[in-house]
Amino acid sequence: MNVRDQAANAIAFNQSYGITYPSIMDVDGGAMQLAFSGSIPPNAVPTTLVLDKSGRVAARILGALSTPSILETIVRDAIAEVPAA
């Protein structure tokens, strides 16, 4: 979720760094930031959220990731999770 950069800048960043996962633009309205206000402090940029198969927050990382392997492990765990019935 991008809450600071305009779309053109965010797209250029994604292309420069080979980011292929989807991003949500929430620069003007703030609706997404409000929706996650219980999970993410408003000044915690960057924050990485990993959602589970049910759309719930499975993991939250505040600040920059030191290595991509951290996120890869969290995503693999979320994918492997069996959804609650």
Protein backbone atom coordinates (compact mmCIF):
# COMPACT_ATOMS: atom_id res chain seq x y z
CA MET A 1 0.00 0.00 0.00
CA ASN A 2 1.52 3.26 -1.07
CA VAL A 3 0.44 6.20 1.09
CA ARG A 4 3.04 8.79 0.05
CA ASP A 5 4.24 8.49 -3.55
CA GLN A 6 2.26 9.40 -6.64
CA ALA A 7 1.42 6.52 -8.99
CA ALA A 8 4.10 7.36 -11.58
CA ASN A 9 6.85 7.34 -8.93
CA ALA A 10 5.61 4.09 -7.39
CA ILE A 11 5.44 2.40 -10.80
CA ALA A 12 8.96 3.56 -11.65
CA PHE A 13 10.23 2.23 -8.31
CA ASN A 14 8.57 -1.16 -8.90
CA GLN A 15 10.08 -1.39 -12.37
CA SER A 16 13.55 -0.36 -11.18
CA TYR A 17 13.60 -2.97 -8.44
CA GLY A 18 11.71 -5.74 -10.25
CA ILE A 19 8.77 -5.71 -7.87
CA THR A 20 5.99 -7.77 -9.40
CA TYR A 21 3.49 -8.11 -6.56
CA PRO A 22 0.46 -5.80 -6.65
CA SER A 23 0.49 -2.51 -4.76
CA ILE A 24 -2.43 -0.41 -3.59
CA MET A 25 -2.30 3.34 -4.15
CA ASP A 26 -3.81 5.22 -1.19
CA VAL A 27 -2.22 8.65 -1.53
CA ASP A 28 -5.30 10.86 -1.70
CA GLY A 29 -8.17 9.12 0.06
CA GLY A 30 -6.56 7.31 2.97
CA ALA A 31 -9.30 4.64 3.01
CA MET A 32 -6.87 1.71 3.01
CA GLN A 33 -4.67 3.27 5.65
CA LEU A 34 -7.76 3.78 7.80
CA ALA A 35 -8.85 0.18 7.24
CA PHE A 36 -5.53 -1.09 8.59
CA SER A 37 -5.23 1.49 11.37
CA GLY A 38 -5.49 -1.21 14.05
CA SER A 39 -2.59 -3.16 12.51
CA ILE A 40 -0.25 -0.46 11.24
CA PRO A 41 0.84 2.68 13.05
CA PRO A 42 0.25 5.59 10.63
CA ASN A 43 3.89 6.68 10.73
CA ALA A 44 5.38 3.19 10.21
CA VAL A 45 6.57 3.56 6.63
CA PRO A 46 7.59 1.26 5.15
CA THR A 47 5.39 -1.50 6.52
CA THR A 48 5.00 -4.88 4.88
CA LEU A 49 1.78 -6.82 5.37
CA VAL A 50 1.31 -10.41 4.32
CA LEU A 51 -2.31 -11.49 4.06
CA ASP A 52 -3.46 -15.06 4.51
CA LYS A 53 -5.84 -16.92 2.21
CA SER A 54 -8.79 -15.45 4.11
CA GLY A 55 -7.53 -11.88 3.65
CA ARG A 56 -6.43 -11.47 7.28
CA VAL A 57 -3.07 -10.01 8.28
CA ALA A 58 -0.79 -13.04 8.71
CA ALA A 59 2.39 -11.03 9.31
CA ARG A 60 3.44 -7.43 9.75
CA ILE A 61 6.94 -6.06 9.34
CA LEU A 62 7.56 -2.47 10.40
CA GLY A 63 10.50 -0.81 8.69
CA ALA A 64 12.73 -1.91 5.87
CA LEU A 65 13.45 -5.59 5.36
CA SER A 66 17.11 -6.44 5.83
CA THR A 67 16.98 -9.41 3.43
CA PRO A 68 14.44 -10.68 0.89
CA SER A 69 14.60 -14.15 2.46
CA ILE A 70 12.63 -12.88 5.47
CA LEU A 71 9.66 -11.96 3.30
CA GLU A 72 10.03 -15.10 1.17
CA THR A 73 9.78 -17.28 4.29
CA ILE A 74 6.74 -15.44 5.62
CA VAL A 75 4.95 -15.64 2.26
CA ARG A 76 5.74 -19.37 1.91
CA ASP A 77 4.31 -19.97 5.40
CA ALA A 78 1.16 -18.00 4.58
CA ILE A 79 0.67 -19.94 1.34
CA ALA A 80 1.14 -23.26 3.13
CA GLU A 81 -1.37 -22.38 5.83
CA VAL A 82 -4.62 -24.29 5.81
CA PRO A 83 -7.54 -21.83 6.12
CA ALA A 84 -9.75 -22.15 9.18
CA ALA A 85 -13.13 -23.70 8.50
